[in-house]
Amino acid sequence: MAKTSKAPVKDSAGGAYKCLTKVRLSGTVYEIGDDITLTGEEAQQLLLAEAVEPKAKKTSPAGDSE
C-alpha cells in the first residue's frame, strides 16, 4: 500500500497553546491571549491556520542572555 504524504509537520503537536485569534472548539470560545490545551490533530489544524502558537516553555534565568 502506498502512503500519501502530507506537508511535513512535527508529530504530536498536542499540548498547551496561546490563542492568536478567537477560536471556537467543542462549543467553547477562546479569546485572543487565552490558554488552550489541544490534541495533536487540533493543534496541527490551528497551527496551520495561524490561530494559535505554542506556549513558551519557562526556562531558567541562566538561559537568558546576560
N, C-alpha and C. Protein backbone atom coordinates (compact mmCIF):
# COMPACT_ATOMS: atom_id res chain seq x y z
N MET A 1 0.82 -1.18 0.00
CA MET A 1 0.00 0.00 0.00
C MET A 1 0.87 1.25 0.00
N ALA A 2 0.53 2.21 -0.82
CA ALA A 2 1.30 3.45 -0.87
C ALA A 2 0.76 4.43 0.15
N LYS A 3 1.66 5.11 0.82
CA LYS A 3 1.26 6.13 1.79
C LYS A 3 1.11 7.46 1.08
N THR A 4 0.14 8.23 1.51
CA THR A 4 0.02 9.59 0.98
C THR A 4 0.86 10.49 1.86
N SER A 5 1.57 11.39 1.23
CA SER A 5 2.43 12.26 2.02
C SER A 5 1.75 13.60 2.24
N LYS A 6 1.93 14.11 3.44
CA LYS A 6 1.41 15.43 3.81
C LYS A 6 2.60 16.37 3.93
N ALA A 7 2.29 17.65 4.04
CA ALA A 7 3.35 18.62 4.29
C ALA A 7 4.00 18.26 5.61
N PRO A 8 5.32 18.38 5.69
CA PRO A 8 5.99 18.00 6.93
C PRO A 8 5.55 18.87 8.10
N VAL A 9 5.01 18.22 9.10
CA VAL A 9 4.60 18.91 10.33
C VAL A 9 5.11 18.07 11.48
N LYS A 10 5.58 18.71 12.53
CA LYS A 10 6.08 17.96 13.68
C LYS A 10 5.01 17.02 14.19
N ASP A 11 5.42 15.81 14.50
CA ASP A 11 4.49 14.82 15.03
C ASP A 11 4.13 15.19 16.47
N SER A 12 2.95 14.83 16.88
CA SER A 12 2.45 15.06 18.23
C SER A 12 2.56 16.52 18.64
N ALA A 13 1.78 17.35 17.97
CA ALA A 13 1.80 18.78 18.24
C ALA A 13 0.89 19.14 19.40
N GLY A 14 0.29 18.16 20.07
CA GLY A 14 -0.63 18.43 21.17
C GLY A 14 0.06 19.07 22.35
N GLY A 15 -0.72 19.76 23.17
CA GLY A 15 -0.17 20.38 24.36
C GLY A 15 -0.79 21.74 24.61
N ALA A 16 -0.03 22.61 25.28
CA ALA A 16 -0.53 23.92 25.67
C ALA A 16 -0.19 24.97 24.61
N TYR A 17 -1.19 25.78 24.28
CA TYR A 17 -1.03 26.82 23.26
C TYR A 17 -1.66 28.11 23.73
N LYS A 18 -1.32 29.19 23.03
CA LYS A 18 -1.89 30.51 23.29
C LYS A 18 -2.66 30.92 22.04
N CYS A 19 -3.90 31.40 22.22
CA CYS A 19 -4.74 31.79 21.08
C CYS A 19 -4.27 33.11 20.49
N LEU A 20 -4.14 33.14 19.17
CA LEU A 20 -3.78 34.37 18.46
C LEU A 20 -5.02 35.02 17.85
N THR A 21 -6.08 34.24 17.74
CA THR A 21 -7.36 34.72 17.23
C THR A 21 -8.45 34.10 18.09
N LYS A 22 -9.68 34.53 17.89
CA LYS A 22 -10.81 33.92 18.59
C LYS A 22 -11.01 32.52 18.03
N VAL A 23 -11.06 31.52 18.90
CA VAL A 23 -11.16 30.13 18.48
C VAL A 23 -12.38 29.50 19.15
N ARG A 24 -13.21 28.83 18.37
CA ARG A 24 -14.32 28.05 18.93
C ARG A 24 -13.97 26.58 18.76
N LEU A 25 -13.96 25.86 19.87
CA LEU A 25 -13.57 24.46 19.85
C LEU A 25 -14.49 23.68 20.78
N SER A 26 -15.19 22.73 20.24
CA SER A 26 -16.10 21.87 21.02
C SER A 26 -17.10 22.71 21.82
N GLY A 27 -17.64 23.75 21.22
CA GLY A 27 -18.65 24.58 21.87
C GLY A 27 -18.10 25.61 22.83
N THR A 28 -16.80 25.67 23.02
CA THR A 28 -16.18 26.65 23.90
C THR A 28 -15.47 27.70 23.05
N VAL A 29 -15.64 28.97 23.42
CA VAL A 29 -14.99 30.05 22.69
C VAL A 29 -13.79 30.53 23.51
N TYR A 30 -12.65 30.58 22.85
CA TYR A 30 -11.42 31.07 23.46
C TYR A 30 -11.08 32.41 22.82
N GLU A 31 -10.77 33.39 23.64
CA GLU A 31 -10.44 34.74 23.16
C GLU A 31 -8.94 34.85 22.91
N ILE A 32 -8.55 35.91 22.21
CA ILE A 32 -7.13 36.18 21.94
C ILE A 32 -6.38 36.25 23.27
N GLY A 33 -5.29 35.53 23.35
CA GLY A 33 -4.46 35.52 24.55
C GLY A 33 -4.80 34.41 25.53
N ASP A 34 -5.95 33.75 25.34
CA ASP A 34 -6.33 32.66 26.23
C ASP A 34 -5.41 31.46 26.04
N ASP A 35 -5.24 30.70 27.11
CA ASP A 35 -4.50 29.44 27.05
C ASP A 35 -5.47 28.35 26.64
N ILE A 36 -5.00 27.44 25.81
CA ILE A 36 -5.85 26.35 25.32
C ILE A 36 -5.00 25.09 25.23
N THR A 37 -5.57 23.96 25.62
CA THR A 37 -4.88 22.67 25.51
C THR A 37 -5.50 21.91 24.35
N LEU A 38 -4.66 21.46 23.44
CA LEU A 38 -5.13 20.83 22.21
C LEU A 38 -4.57 19.42 22.05
N THR A 39 -5.31 18.61 21.30
CA THR A 39 -4.78 17.30 20.90
C THR A 39 -3.86 17.54 19.70
N GLY A 40 -3.14 16.55 19.29
CA GLY A 40 -2.21 16.68 18.16
C GLY A 40 -2.89 17.14 16.89
N GLU A 41 -4.04 16.55 16.56
CA GLU A 41 -4.74 16.91 15.32
C GLU A 41 -5.31 18.33 15.39
N GLU A 42 -5.90 18.69 16.52
CA GLU A 42 -6.44 20.05 16.70
C GLU A 42 -5.31 21.07 16.57
N ALA A 43 -4.19 20.78 17.22
CA ALA A 43 -3.06 21.69 17.20
C ALA A 43 -2.53 21.87 15.78
N GLN A 44 -2.41 20.78 15.04
CA GLN A 44 -1.93 20.86 13.66
C GLN A 44 -2.79 21.78 12.83
N GLN A 45 -4.10 21.60 12.91
CA GLN A 45 -5.03 22.40 12.12
C GLN A 45 -4.96 23.88 12.51
N LEU A 46 -4.94 24.16 13.81
CA LEU A 46 -4.93 25.55 14.26
C LEU A 46 -3.57 26.21 14.03
N LEU A 47 -2.49 25.44 14.10
CA LEU A 47 -1.17 26.00 13.79
C LEU A 47 -1.08 26.39 12.32
N LEU A 48 -1.59 25.51 11.45
CA LEU A 48 -1.57 25.81 10.02
C LEU A 48 -2.42 27.04 9.70
N ALA A 49 -3.49 27.24 10.45
CA ALA A 49 -4.37 28.40 10.25
C ALA A 49 -3.82 29.64 10.97
N GLU A 50 -2.70 29.49 11.67
CA GLU A 50 -2.07 30.55 12.45
C GLU A 50 -3.04 31.14 13.47
N ALA A 51 -3.83 30.27 14.09
CA ALA A 51 -4.79 30.69 15.10
C ALA A 51 -4.23 30.54 16.52
N VAL A 52 -3.18 29.72 16.66
CA VAL A 52 -2.55 29.51 17.97
C VAL A 52 -1.03 29.48 17.80
N GLU A 53 -0.35 29.65 18.93
CA GLU A 53 1.11 29.47 18.95
C GLU A 53 1.45 28.67 20.20
N PRO A 54 2.52 27.90 20.13
CA PRO A 54 2.91 27.13 21.31
C PRO A 54 3.25 28.07 22.46
N LYS A 55 2.84 27.68 23.66
CA LYS A 55 3.19 28.49 24.83
C LYS A 55 4.68 28.38 25.05
N ALA A 56 5.30 29.49 25.39
CA ALA A 56 6.73 29.49 25.66
C ALA A 56 6.99 28.69 26.92
N LYS A 57 7.93 27.79 26.83
CA LYS A 57 8.28 27.00 28.00
C LYS A 57 9.14 27.86 28.90
N LYS A 58 8.89 27.75 30.18
CA LYS A 58 9.66 28.54 31.13
C LYS A 58 11.07 27.98 31.21
N THR A 59 12.03 28.87 31.10
CA THR A 59 13.43 28.46 31.22
C THR A 59 14.03 29.14 32.42
N SER A 60 15.13 28.64 32.85
CA SER A 60 15.79 29.26 33.99
C SER A 60 16.40 30.58 33.57
N PRO A 61 16.52 31.52 34.49
CA PRO A 61 17.10 32.82 34.16
C PRO A 61 18.52 32.70 33.60
N ALA A 62 19.22 31.62 33.93
CA ALA A 62 20.57 31.43 33.41
C ALA A 62 20.55 31.21 31.91
N GLY A 63 19.42 30.81 31.36
CA GLY A 63 19.30 30.60 29.91
C GLY A 63 19.18 31.88 29.13
N ASP A 64 18.84 32.99 29.81
CA ASP A 64 18.72 34.28 29.14
C ASP A 64 20.09 34.87 28.90
N SER A 65 20.20 35.67 27.84
CA SER A 65 21.49 36.31 27.59
C SER A 65 21.70 37.40 28.61
N GLU A 66 22.91 37.48 29.09
CA GLU A 66 23.20 38.44 30.18
C GLU A 66 23.94 39.63 29.66
